[in-house]
């Protein structure tokens, strides 16, 4: 038997729907019939869509929810009929190893409080918990002024996770009016549209000239270079810059004098407790501290994948979370 899945062939922008065999599962794997998948724009546009080479299908997405339809004979924690979220690509059926050593957990049961469409945000929410936790290892979050550069999916999730820890002030920054409006709706204490207002003047006003204790750069892509430069200008003398964004396609640059007394960290460390973070992410989504429903701006049938990717690349003025339906 065969299934459909989203693929990226040689040449830029070459998204298509291909037919492939339904995966066979090993003793520790489960087979999931997909219901929804979420496009993670940063990595899927800048690391997949615009690349000239063909992309392995297993790299085409990693935010899937659905129902288990078959289990391997050594699987103990999952059953046929379970509603689950998994780190898996855009595909009608996927096999997931429940005993994976590379990524733990690679699959979770969704609580009754989390709908399948909301559950597609579980992988990114887990990462957001880890990113914020990396900051909390260095300072006490609830005493800090935290600025998040970029309010795409990643920046928005980081902002919501940070809000759950009750910081002194949260400042969300973006250049797109739609995202700025959403950031305010999701609870950011202050929102700066840096395409219309002076970032530095507004930061100085909000912080009484003290600047931001923590600046999290979550822009990435071609705009990440300038976002990093701005981060250096608005972080306090003894502050922290955390670089989350990727795919700038050129080195980030700074003058050594600019970083004296400041810390720059990249993402989160490799010895993090992802299982703990996963549980925290599910808890935050369940109690609506993370609000995926408000973050979903567009829904497409998977057969419209080429249109969805083109739109995410060319015009993001009113786009946020883009979800594929696999029915």
C-alpha atoms as a PDB file:
ATOM      1  CA  UNK A   1       0.000   0.000   0.000  1.00  0.00           C
ATOM      2  CA  UNK A   2       1.083   3.550  -0.686  1.00  0.00           C
ATOM      3  CA  UNK A   3       0.663   6.994   0.858  1.00  0.00           C
ATOM      4  CA  UNK A   4       1.233  10.656   0.010  1.00  0.00           C
ATOM      5  CA  UNK A   5       3.937  12.897   1.442  1.00  0.00           C
ATOM      6  CA  UNK A   6       5.465  16.344   0.845  1.00  0.00           C
ATOM      7  CA  UNK A   7       8.862  16.297  -0.843  1.00  0.00           C
ATOM      8  CA  UNK A   8      11.495  18.771  -2.069  1.00  0.00           C
ATOM      9  CA  UNK A   9      13.314  17.859  -5.282  1.00  0.00           C
ATOM     10  CA  UNK A  10      16.443  19.353  -6.848  1.00  0.00           C
ATOM     11  CA  UNK A  11      16.314  23.115  -7.588  1.00  0.00           C
ATOM     12  CA  UNK A  12      14.999  25.897  -5.401  1.00  0.00           C
ATOM     13  CA  UNK A  13      11.303  26.028  -4.453  1.00  0.00           C
ATOM     14  CA  UNK A  14      10.641  22.568  -5.933  1.00  0.00           C
ATOM     15  CA  UNK A  15       7.940  21.321  -3.549  1.00  0.00           C
ATOM     16  CA  UNK A  16       5.689  18.496  -4.736  1.00  0.00           C
ATOM     17  CA  UNK A  17       3.504  15.650  -3.502  1.00  0.00           C
ATOM     18  CA  UNK A  18       5.003  12.221  -3.990  1.00  0.00           C
ATOM     19  CA  UNK A  19       3.664   8.714  -3.541  1.00  0.00           C
ATOM     20  CA  UNK A  20       5.645   6.314  -1.374  1.00  0.00           C
ATOM     21  CA  UNK A  21       5.130   2.980   0.391  1.00  0.00           C
ATOM     22  CA  UNK A  22       3.544   3.099   3.819  1.00  0.00           C
ATOM     23  CA  UNK A  23       6.418   2.530   6.272  1.00  0.00           C
ATOM     24  CA  UNK A  24       6.903  -0.857   7.868  1.00  0.00           C
ATOM     25  CA  UNK A  25       7.557  -0.685  11.592  1.00  0.00           C
ATOM     26  CA  UNK A  26      10.161  -2.368  13.777  1.00  0.00           C
ATOM     27  CA  UNK A  27       9.575  -3.964  17.186  1.00  0.00           C
ATOM     28  CA  UNK A  28       9.832  -0.616  19.042  1.00  0.00           C
ATOM     29  CA  UNK A  29       8.087   1.598  16.492  1.00  0.00           C
ATOM     30  CA  UNK A  30       4.521   2.789  16.008  1.00  0.00           C
ATOM     31  CA  UNK A  31       2.735   3.708  12.781  1.00  0.00           C
ATOM     32  CA  UNK A  32       0.836   7.006  12.919  1.00  0.00           C
ATOM     33  CA  UNK A  33      -1.896   8.163  10.542  1.00  0.00           C
ATOM     34  CA  UNK A  34      -1.360  11.899  10.320  1.00  0.00           C
ATOM     35  CA  UNK A  35      -4.110  14.401  11.028  1.00  0.00           C
ATOM     36  CA  UNK A  36      -2.162  17.681  11.028  1.00  0.00           C
ATOM     37  CA  UNK A  37       1.380  18.940  10.425  1.00  0.00           C
ATOM     38  CA  UNK A  38       2.770  22.393  11.148  1.00  0.00           C
ATOM     39  CA  UNK A  39       5.300  24.240   8.994  1.00  0.00           C
ATOM     40  CA  UNK A  40       8.202  25.543  11.052  1.00  0.00           C
ATOM     41  CA  UNK A  41       8.933  28.488   8.772  1.00  0.00           C
ATOM     42  CA  UNK A  42      12.516  29.313   9.731  1.00  0.00           C
ATOM     43  CA  UNK A  43      14.064  25.923   9.084  1.00  0.00           C
ATOM     44  CA  UNK A  44      11.659  24.755   6.403  1.00  0.00           C
ATOM     45  CA  UNK A  45      12.033  27.860   4.252  1.00  0.00           C
ATOM     46  CA  UNK A  46      15.704  28.745   4.774  1.00  0.00           C
ATOM     47  CA  UNK A  47      17.094  25.205   5.163  1.00  0.00           C
ATOM     48  CA  UNK A  48      14.754  23.356   2.804  1.00  0.00           C
ATOM     49  CA  UNK A  49      12.658  25.428   0.391  1.00  0.00           C
ATOM     50  CA  UNK A  50      15.340  27.811  -0.930  1.00  0.00           C
ATOM     51  CA  UNK A  51      18.128  25.233  -1.170  1.00  0.00           C
ATOM     52  CA  UNK A  52      19.196  24.126  -4.670  1.00  0.00           C
ATOM     53  CA  UNK A  53      19.691  20.480  -3.710  1.00  0.00           C
ATOM     54  CA  UNK A  54      17.066  17.816  -3.132  1.00  0.00           C
ATOM     55  CA  UNK A  55      16.145  17.397   0.542  1.00  0.00           C
ATOM     56  CA  UNK A  56      15.743  14.033   2.256  1.00  0.00           C
ATOM     57  CA  UNK A  57      12.050  13.530   2.938  1.00  0.00           C
ATOM     58  CA  UNK A  58      12.674  12.720   6.597  1.00  0.00           C
ATOM     59  CA  UNK A  59      13.871  16.337   6.965  1.00  0.00           C
ATOM     60  CA  UNK A  60      10.670  17.766   5.487  1.00  0.00           C
ATOM     61  CA  UNK A  61       8.987  18.897   8.690  1.00  0.00           C
ATOM     62  CA  UNK A  62       8.991  17.768  12.312  1.00  0.00           C
ATOM     63  CA  UNK A  63       5.655  18.800  13.858  1.00  0.00           C
ATOM     64  CA  UNK A  64       2.977  16.105  13.353  1.00  0.00           C
ATOM     65  CA  UNK A  65      -0.119  14.896  15.186  1.00  0.00           C
ATOM     66  CA  UNK A  66      -2.384  11.972  14.488  1.00  0.00           C
ATOM     67  CA  UNK A  67      -3.575   8.578  15.658  1.00  0.00           C
ATOM     68  CA  UNK A  68      -1.572   5.396  16.175  1.00  0.00           C
ATOM     69  CA  UNK A  69      -2.829   2.680  13.842  1.00  0.00           C
ATOM     70  CA  UNK A  70      -0.231  -0.016  14.506  1.00  0.00           C
ATOM     71  CA  UNK A  71       2.361  -0.827  17.187  1.00  0.00           C
ATOM     72  CA  UNK A  72       5.479  -2.984  17.262  1.00  0.00           C
ATOM     73  CA  UNK A  73       5.411  -6.034  19.541  1.00  0.00           C
ATOM     74  CA  UNK A  74       7.835  -4.451  22.055  1.00  0.00           C
ATOM     75  CA  UNK A  75       5.957  -1.159  22.379  1.00  0.00           C
ATOM     76  CA  UNK A  76       4.513  -0.846  25.884  1.00  0.00           C
ATOM     77  CA  UNK A  77       3.701   2.839  26.440  1.00  0.00           C
ATOM     78  CA  UNK A  78       1.483   3.390  23.403  1.00  0.00           C
ATOM     79  CA  UNK A  79      -1.593   1.667  21.967  1.00  0.00           C
ATOM     80  CA  UNK A  80      -3.591   1.663  18.760  1.00  0.00           C
ATOM     81  CA  UNK A  81      -6.021   4.574  18.888  1.00  0.00           C
ATOM     82  CA  UNK A  82      -3.802   6.873  20.976  1.00  0.00           C
ATOM     83  CA  UNK A  83      -3.844  10.537  19.910  1.00  0.00           C
ATOM     84  CA  UNK A  84      -0.200  11.583  19.711  1.00  0.00           C
ATOM     85  CA  UNK A  85       2.246  14.293  18.676  1.00  0.00           C
ATOM     86  CA  UNK A  86       5.537  13.278  17.090  1.00  0.00           C
ATOM     87  CA  UNK A  87       8.738  14.704  15.686  1.00  0.00           C
ATOM     88  CA  UNK A  88       8.037  13.542  12.148  1.00  0.00           C
ATOM     89  CA  UNK A  89       7.833  14.936   8.589  1.00  0.00           C
ATOM     90  CA  UNK A  90       4.891  16.047   6.470  1.00  0.00           C
ATOM     91  CA  UNK A  91       3.510  12.655   5.514  1.00  0.00           C
ATOM     92  CA  UNK A  92       0.216  10.760   5.478  1.00  0.00           C
ATOM     93  CA  UNK A  93       1.745   7.924   7.541  1.00  0.00           C
ATOM     94  CA  UNK A  94       4.935   7.966   9.633  1.00  0.00           C
ATOM     95  CA  UNK A  95       6.828   5.407  11.677  1.00  0.00           C
ATOM     96  CA  UNK A  96       8.292   6.655  14.957  1.00  0.00           C
ATOM     97  CA  UNK A  97      10.657   4.813  17.262  1.00  0.00           C
ATOM     98  CA  UNK A  98       9.271   4.957  20.808  1.00  0.00           C
ATOM     99  CA  UNK A  99      12.690   3.927  22.126  1.00  0.00           C
ATOM    100  CA  UNK A 100      14.743   6.494  20.202  1.00  0.00           C
ATOM    101  CA  UNK A 101      18.080   7.404  21.781  1.00  0.00           C
ATOM    102  CA  UNK A 102      18.662  10.302  19.391  1.00  0.00           C
ATOM    103  CA  UNK A 103      15.682  12.381  20.507  1.00  0.00           C
ATOM    104  CA  UNK A 104      13.837  11.771  23.768  1.00  0.00           C
ATOM    105  CA  UNK A 105      10.907  11.910  23.617  1.00  0.00           C
ATOM    106  CA  UNK A 106      10.221  11.635  19.897  1.00  0.00           C
ATOM    107  CA  UNK A 107       6.511  11.001  20.509  1.00  0.00           C
ATOM    108  CA  UNK A 108       4.026  11.859  23.281  1.00  0.00           C
ATOM    109  CA  UNK A 109       0.415  11.112  24.073  1.00  0.00           C
ATOM    110  CA  UNK A 110      -1.640  14.283  23.940  1.00  0.00           C
ATOM    111  CA  UNK A 111      -3.684  15.140  27.043  1.00  0.00           C
ATOM    112  CA  UNK A 112      -7.428  15.454  26.521  1.00  0.00           C
ATOM    113  CA  UNK A 113      -7.102  19.228  26.987  1.00  0.00           C
ATOM    114  CA  UNK A 114      -4.927  19.559  23.859  1.00  0.00           C
ATOM    115  CA  UNK A 115      -6.589  19.291  20.460  1.00  0.00           C
ATOM    116  CA  UNK A 116      -4.682  17.626  17.628  1.00  0.00           C
ATOM    117  CA  UNK A 117      -4.150  20.902  15.776  1.00  0.00           C
ATOM    118  CA  UNK A 118      -2.739  22.522  18.922  1.00  0.00           C
ATOM    119  CA  UNK A 119      -0.511  19.499  19.467  1.00  0.00           C
ATOM    120  CA  UNK A 120       1.509  20.276  16.343  1.00  0.00           C
ATOM    121  CA  UNK A 121       3.163  23.011  18.434  1.00  0.00           C
ATOM    122  CA  UNK A 122       4.562  20.494  20.936  1.00  0.00           C
ATOM    123  CA  UNK A 123       8.067  20.095  19.398  1.00  0.00           C
ATOM    124  CA  UNK A 124       8.688  23.840  19.087  1.00  0.00           C
ATOM    125  CA  UNK A 125       7.155  24.495  22.513  1.00  0.00           C
ATOM    126  CA  UNK A 126       9.517  21.933  24.031  1.00  0.00           C
ATOM    127  CA  UNK A 127      12.448  23.776  22.473  1.00  0.00           C
ATOM    128  CA  UNK A 128      11.078  27.106  23.726  1.00  0.00           C
ATOM    129  CA  UNK A 129      11.019  25.719  27.276  1.00  0.00           C
ATOM    130  CA  UNK A 130      14.659  24.639  26.905  1.00  0.00           C
ATOM    131  CA  UNK A 131      15.725  28.020  25.499  1.00  0.00           C
ATOM    132  CA  UNK A 132      14.137  29.935  28.370  1.00  0.00           C
ATOM    133  CA  UNK A 133      15.494  27.418  30.876  1.00  0.00           C
ATOM    134  CA  UNK A 134      19.008  28.098  29.583  1.00  0.00           C
ATOM    135  CA  UNK A 135      18.577  31.731  30.634  1.00  0.00           C
ATOM    136  CA  UNK A 136      17.191  30.721  34.037  1.00  0.00           C
ATOM    137  CA  UNK A 137      20.398  28.765  34.707  1.00  0.00           C
ATOM    138  CA  UNK A 138      22.261  32.082  34.634  1.00  0.00           C
ATOM    139  CA  UNK A 139      19.811  34.514  36.261  1.00  0.00           C
ATOM    140  CA  UNK A 140      16.479  34.611  38.078  1.00  0.00           C
ATOM    141  CA  UNK A 141      13.933  35.287  35.340  1.00  0.00           C
ATOM    142  CA  UNK A 142      11.318  37.031  37.489  1.00  0.00           C
ATOM    143  CA  UNK A 143      13.727  39.898  38.266  1.00  0.00           C
ATOM    144  CA  UNK A 144      14.584  40.638  34.638  1.00  0.00           C
ATOM    145  CA  UNK A 145      13.612  42.772  31.676  1.00  0.00           C
ATOM    146  CA  UNK A 146      13.565  40.409  28.711  1.00  0.00           C
ATOM    147  CA  UNK A 147      13.429  41.527  25.076  1.00  0.00           C
ATOM    148  CA  UNK A 148      12.617  39.041  22.324  1.00  0.00           C
ATOM    149  CA  UNK A 149      13.725  40.051  18.837  1.00  0.00           C
ATOM    150  CA  UNK A 150      11.343  38.461  16.351  1.00  0.00           C
ATOM    151  CA  UNK A 151       7.784  37.284  16.875  1.00  0.00           C
ATOM    152  CA  UNK A 152       7.522  34.457  14.403  1.00  0.00           C
ATOM    153  CA  UNK A 153       6.591  31.022  15.732  1.00  0.00           C
ATOM    154  CA  UNK A 154       9.807  30.571  17.706  1.00  0.00           C
ATOM    155  CA  UNK A 155       9.946  34.100  19.125  1.00  0.00           C
ATOM    156  CA  UNK A 156       6.278  34.014  20.075  1.00  0.00           C
ATOM    157  CA  UNK A 157       6.604  30.675  21.867  1.00  0.00           C
ATOM    158  CA  UNK A 158       9.679  31.896  23.745  1.00  0.00           C
ATOM    159  CA  UNK A 159       7.766  35.011  24.764  1.00  0.00           C
ATOM    160  CA  UNK A 160       4.844  32.942  26.097  1.00  0.00           C
ATOM    161  CA  UNK A 161       7.122  30.549  28.003  1.00  0.00           C
ATOM    162  CA  UNK A 162       9.039  33.475  29.503  1.00  0.00           C
ATOM    163  CA  UNK A 163       5.751  35.137  30.509  1.00  0.00           C
ATOM    164  CA  UNK A 164       4.824  32.018  32.488  1.00  0.00           C
ATOM    165  CA  UNK A 165       7.860  32.691  34.698  1.00  0.00           C
ATOM    166  CA  UNK A 166       6.623  36.219  35.533  1.00  0.00           C
ATOM    167  CA  UNK A 167       9.562  38.405  34.502  1.00  0.00           C
ATOM    168  CA  UNK A 168       9.680  42.066  35.474  1.00  0.00           C
ATOM    169  CA  UNK A 169       8.977  43.142  31.885  1.00  0.00           C
ATOM    170  CA  UNK A 170       8.650  41.364  28.549  1.00  0.00           C
ATOM    171  CA  UNK A 171       9.302  43.382  25.391  1.00  0.00           C
ATOM    172  CA  UNK A 172       8.403  41.837  22.016  1.00  0.00           C
ATOM    173  CA  UNK A 173       9.991  43.298  18.866  1.00  0.00           C
ATOM    174  CA  UNK A 174       9.087  42.707  15.239  1.00  0.00           C
ATOM    175  CA  UNK A 175       8.839  44.598  11.952  1.00  0.00           C
ATOM    176  CA  UNK A 176       5.445  43.154  10.939  1.00  0.00           C
ATOM    177  CA  UNK A 177       2.254  44.793  12.250  1.00  0.00           C
ATOM    178  CA  UNK A 178       0.306  41.526  12.321  1.00  0.00           C
ATOM    179  CA  UNK A 179       2.889  39.861  14.544  1.00  0.00           C
ATOM    180  CA  UNK A 180       3.123  42.893  16.828  1.00  0.00           C
ATOM    181  CA  UNK A 181      -0.638  42.895  17.304  1.00  0.00           C
ATOM    182  CA  UNK A 182      -0.589  39.155  18.080  1.00  0.00           C
ATOM    183  CA  UNK A 183       2.260  39.578  20.579  1.00  0.00           C
ATOM    184  CA  UNK A 184       0.174  42.097  22.502  1.00  0.00           C
ATOM    185  CA  UNK A 185      -2.845  39.791  22.399  1.00  0.00           C
ATOM    186  CA  UNK A 186      -0.718  36.921  23.733  1.00  0.00           C
ATOM    187  CA  UNK A 187       0.324  38.976  26.731  1.00  0.00           C
ATOM    188  CA  UNK A 188       3.589  40.795  25.998  1.00  0.00           C
ATOM    189  CA  UNK A 189       3.928  43.755  28.384  1.00  0.00           C
ATOM    190  CA  UNK A 190       5.370  45.977  25.647  1.00  0.00           C
ATOM    191  CA  UNK A 191       5.494  45.618  21.870  1.00  0.00           C
ATOM    192  CA  UNK A 192       7.764  47.571  19.518  1.00  0.00           C
ATOM    193  CA  UNK A 193       7.237  47.654  15.764  1.00  0.00           C
ATOM    194  CA  UNK A 194      10.819  48.469  14.809  1.00  0.00           C
ATOM    195  CA  UNK A 195       9.875  49.231  11.203  1.00  0.00           C
ATOM    196  CA  UNK A 196       7.786  52.190  12.394  1.00  0.00           C
ATOM    197  CA  UNK A 197       9.470  53.249  15.650  1.00  0.00           C
ATOM    198  CA  UNK A 198      12.999  53.681  16.963  1.00  0.00           C
ATOM    199  CA  UNK A 199      13.986  50.462  18.717  1.00  0.00           C
ATOM    200  CA  UNK A 200      16.666  52.079  20.848  1.00  0.00           C
ATOM    201  CA  UNK A 201      14.533  55.067  21.874  1.00  0.00           C
ATOM    202  CA  UNK A 202      11.659  52.819  22.898  1.00  0.00           C
ATOM    203  CA  UNK A 203      13.896  50.409  24.821  1.00  0.00           C
ATOM    204  CA  UNK A 204      15.454  53.343  26.687  1.00  0.00           C
ATOM    205  CA  UNK A 205      12.009  54.710  27.508  1.00  0.00           C
ATOM    206  CA  UNK A 206      10.659  51.363  28.756  1.00  0.00           C
ATOM    207  CA  UNK A 207      13.774  50.554  30.791  1.00  0.00           C
ATOM    208  CA  UNK A 208      14.534  54.088  32.063  1.00  0.00           C
ATOM    209  CA  UNK A 209      17.784  54.096  30.070  1.00  0.00           C
ATOM    210  CA  UNK A 210      18.957  50.851  31.742  1.00  0.00           C
ATOM    211  CA  UNK A 211      18.429  48.702  28.631  1.00  0.00           C
ATOM    212  CA  UNK A 212      17.389  45.039  28.643  1.00  0.00           C
ATOM    213  CA  UNK A 213      18.905  42.440  30.991  1.00  0.00           C
ATOM    214  CA  UNK A 214      18.258  39.686  28.454  1.00  0.00           C
ATOM    215  CA  UNK A 215      17.895  39.950  24.678  1.00  0.00           C
ATOM    216  CA  UNK A 216      16.812  36.828  22.807  1.00  0.00           C
ATOM    217  CA  UNK A 217      17.504  37.011  19.077  1.00  0.00           C
ATOM    218  CA  UNK A 218      14.882  34.810  17.392  1.00  0.00           C
ATOM    219  CA  UNK A 219      14.788  36.387  13.923  1.00  0.00           C
ATOM    220  CA  UNK A 220      17.207  34.242  11.951  1.00  0.00           C
ATOM    221  CA  UNK A 221      17.256  34.076   8.152  1.00  0.00           C
ATOM    222  CA  UNK A 222      18.588  37.054   6.180  1.00  0.00           C
ATOM    223  CA  UNK A 223      17.227  39.476   8.791  1.00  0.00           C
ATOM    224  CA  UNK A 224      19.134  37.810  11.611  1.00  0.00           C
ATOM    225  CA  UNK A 225      22.346  39.746  10.955  1.00  0.00           C
ATOM    226  CA  UNK A 226      20.730  43.126  11.655  1.00  0.00           C
ATOM    227  CA  UNK A 227      18.714  41.737  14.565  1.00  0.00           C
ATOM    228  CA  UNK A 228      21.949  40.626  16.200  1.00  0.00           C
ATOM    229  CA  UNK A 229      23.482  44.069  15.700  1.00  0.00           C
ATOM    230  CA  UNK A 230      20.423  45.643  17.317  1.00  0.00           C
ATOM    231  CA  UNK A 231      20.621  43.158  20.187  1.00  0.00           C
ATOM    232  CA  UNK A 232      24.107  44.408  20.996  1.00  0.00           C
ATOM    233  CA  UNK A 233      22.783  47.966  21.192  1.00  0.00           C
ATOM    234  CA  UNK A 234      19.888  47.296  23.561  1.00  0.00           C
ATOM    235  CA  UNK A 235      21.376  44.780  26.031  1.00  0.00           C
ATOM    236  CA  UNK A 236      22.505  46.091  29.417  1.00  0.00           C
ATOM    237  CA  UNK A 237      26.183  46.251  30.337  1.00  0.00           C
ATOM    238  CA  UNK A 238      26.063  43.014  32.354  1.00  0.00           C
ATOM    239  CA  UNK A 239      23.331  41.448  30.236  1.00  0.00           C
ATOM    240  CA  UNK A 240      22.849  38.291  28.190  1.00  0.00           C
ATOM    241  CA  UNK A 241      22.268  37.869  24.462  1.00  0.00           C
ATOM    242  CA  UNK A 242      20.868  34.489  23.476  1.00  0.00           C
ATOM    243  CA  UNK A 243      21.097  33.653  19.773  1.00  0.00           C
ATOM    244  CA  UNK A 244      18.297  31.347  18.635  1.00  0.00           C
ATOM    245  CA  UNK A 245      17.938  32.391  14.991  1.00  0.00           C
ATOM    246  CA  UNK A 246      19.795  30.462  12.288  1.00  0.00           C
ATOM    247  CA  UNK A 247      20.290  30.531   8.498  1.00  0.00           C
ATOM    248  CA  UNK A 248      21.676  34.082   8.152  1.00  0.00           C
ATOM    249  CA  UNK A 249      24.008  32.710   5.446  1.00  0.00           C
ATOM    250  CA  UNK A 250      26.843  34.913   6.690  1.00  0.00           C
ATOM    251  CA  UNK A 251      28.775  35.258   9.948  1.00  0.00           C
ATOM    252  CA  UNK A 252      27.371  37.442  12.715  1.00  0.00           C
ATOM    253  CA  UNK A 253      29.774  40.293  13.361  1.00  0.00           C
ATOM    254  CA  UNK A 254      30.579  42.463  16.359  1.00  0.00           C
ATOM    255  CA  UNK A 255      33.264  44.720  17.749  1.00  0.00           C
ATOM    256  CA  UNK A 256      35.015  43.141  20.718  1.00  0.00           C
ATOM    257  CA  UNK A 257      34.465  46.348  22.695  1.00  0.00           C
ATOM    258  CA  UNK A 258      30.711  45.947  22.339  1.00  0.00           C
ATOM    259  CA  UNK A 259      30.596  42.648  24.224  1.00  0.00           C
ATOM    260  CA  UNK A 260      32.770  43.467  27.208  1.00  0.00           C
ATOM    261  CA  UNK A 261      30.902  42.520  30.393  1.00  0.00           C
ATOM    262  CA  UNK A 262      28.154  40.776  28.423  1.00  0.00           C
ATOM    263  CA  UNK A 263      27.386  37.111  27.810  1.00  0.00           C
ATOM    264  CA  UNK A 264      26.488  35.651  24.409  1.00  0.00           C
ATOM    265  CA  UNK A 265      25.047  32.146  24.383  1.00  0.00           C
ATOM    266  CA  UNK A 266      23.778  29.995  21.542  1.00  0.00           C
ATOM    267  CA  UNK A 267      20.478  28.166  21.944  1.00  0.00           C
ATOM    268  CA  UNK A 268      20.570  25.587  24.719  1.00  0.00           C
ATOM    269  CA  UNK A 269      23.277  23.200  25.894  1.00  0.00           C
ATOM    270  CA  UNK A 270      23.393  19.583  24.759  1.00  0.00           C
ATOM    271  CA  UNK A 271      22.988  18.121  28.250  1.00  0.00           C
ATOM    272  CA  UNK A 272      19.449  19.425  28.697  1.00  0.00           C
ATOM    273  CA  UNK A 273      16.543  17.390  30.080  1.00  0.00           C
ATOM    274  CA  UNK A 274      14.273  17.193  27.046  1.00  0.00           C
ATOM    275  CA  UNK A 275      11.792  14.865  28.758  1.00  0.00           C
ATOM    276  CA  UNK A 276      11.250  17.450  31.507  1.00  0.00           C
ATOM    277  CA  UNK A 277      10.899  20.193  28.895  1.00  0.00           C
ATOM    278  CA  UNK A 278       8.373  18.111  26.950  1.00  0.00           C
ATOM    279  CA  UNK A 279       6.223  17.687  30.046  1.00  0.00           C
ATOM    280  CA  UNK A 280       6.460  21.410  30.765  1.00  0.00           C
ATOM    281  CA  UNK A 281       5.451  22.238  27.194  1.00  0.00           C
ATOM    282  CA  UNK A 282       2.382  19.986  27.369  1.00  0.00           C
ATOM    283  CA  UNK A 283       1.454  21.537  30.715  1.00  0.00           C
ATOM    284  CA  UNK A 284       1.759  25.090  29.362  1.00  0.00           C
ATOM    285  CA  UNK A 285      -0.348  24.253  26.283  1.00  0.00           C
ATOM    286  CA  UNK A 286      -2.956  22.454  28.424  1.00  0.00           C
ATOM    287  CA  UNK A 287      -3.370  25.419  30.777  1.00  0.00           C
ATOM    288  CA  UNK A 288      -3.375  27.912  27.846  1.00  0.00           C
ATOM    289  CA  UNK A 289      -0.160  29.642  28.898  1.00  0.00           C
ATOM    290  CA  UNK A 290       0.908  28.740  25.351  1.00  0.00           C
ATOM    291  CA  UNK A 291      -1.923  29.483  22.929  1.00  0.00           C
ATOM    292  CA  UNK A 292      -1.470  27.668  19.590  1.00  0.00           C
ATOM    293  CA  UNK A 293      -5.002  28.435  18.386  1.00  0.00           C
ATOM    294  CA  UNK A 294      -4.236  32.145  18.324  1.00  0.00           C
ATOM    295  CA  UNK A 295      -0.970  31.476  16.502  1.00  0.00           C
ATOM    296  CA  UNK A 296      -2.512  29.555  13.583  1.00  0.00           C
ATOM    297  CA  UNK A 297      -3.247  31.976  10.767  1.00  0.00           C
ATOM    298  CA  UNK A 298      -3.729  29.610   7.815  1.00  0.00           C
ATOM    299  CA  UNK A 299      -4.945  26.068   7.166  1.00  0.00           C
ATOM    300  CA  UNK A 300      -4.221  24.159   3.970  1.00  0.00           C
ATOM    301  CA  UNK A 301      -4.922  20.688   2.651  1.00  0.00           C
ATOM    302  CA  UNK A 302      -1.622  18.896   2.134  1.00  0.00           C
ATOM    303  CA  UNK A 303      -2.219  18.880  -1.626  1.00  0.00           C
ATOM    304  CA  UNK A 304      -1.774  22.674  -1.506  1.00  0.00           C
ATOM    305  CA  UNK A 305       1.752  22.400  -0.097  1.00  0.00           C
ATOM    306  CA  UNK A 306       3.431  24.203  -2.991  1.00  0.00           C
ATOM    307  CA  UNK A 307       1.086  27.182  -2.571  1.00  0.00           C
ATOM    308  CA  UNK A 308       1.622  27.293   1.189  1.00  0.00           C
ATOM    309  CA  UNK A 309       5.417  27.264   0.943  1.00  0.00           C
ATOM    310  CA  UNK A 310       5.380  29.907  -1.799  1.00  0.00           C
ATOM    311  CA  UNK A 311       3.212  32.153   0.356  1.00  0.00           C
ATOM    312  CA  UNK A 312       5.451  31.678   3.402  1.00  0.00           C
ATOM    313  CA  UNK A 313       8.455  32.682   1.327  1.00  0.00           C
ATOM    314  CA  UNK A 314       7.032  35.645  -0.570  1.00  0.00           C
ATOM    315  CA  UNK A 315       4.573  37.375   1.762  1.00  0.00           C
ATOM    316  CA  UNK A 316       4.495  36.931   5.537  1.00  0.00           C
ATOM    317  CA  UNK A 317       2.645  40.157   6.318  1.00  0.00           C
ATOM    318  CA  UNK A 318      -0.388  38.265   7.628  1.00  0.00           C
ATOM    319  CA  UNK A 319       1.074  34.798   8.206  1.00  0.00           C
ATOM    320  CA  UNK A 320       1.980  32.974  11.386  1.00  0.00           C
ATOM    321  CA  UNK A 321       1.274  29.292  11.988  1.00  0.00           C
ATOM    322  CA  UNK A 322       0.500  27.342   8.791  1.00  0.00           C
ATOM    323  CA  UNK A 323      -1.040  23.904   9.288  1.00  0.00           C
ATOM    324  CA  UNK A 324      -1.633  21.076   6.794  1.00  0.00           C
ATOM    325  CA  UNK A 325      -4.724  18.866   7.083  1.00  0.00           C
ATOM    326  CA  UNK A 326      -4.060  15.247   6.060  1.00  0.00           C
ATOM    327  CA  UNK A 327      -7.652  13.985   5.806  1.00  0.00           C
END
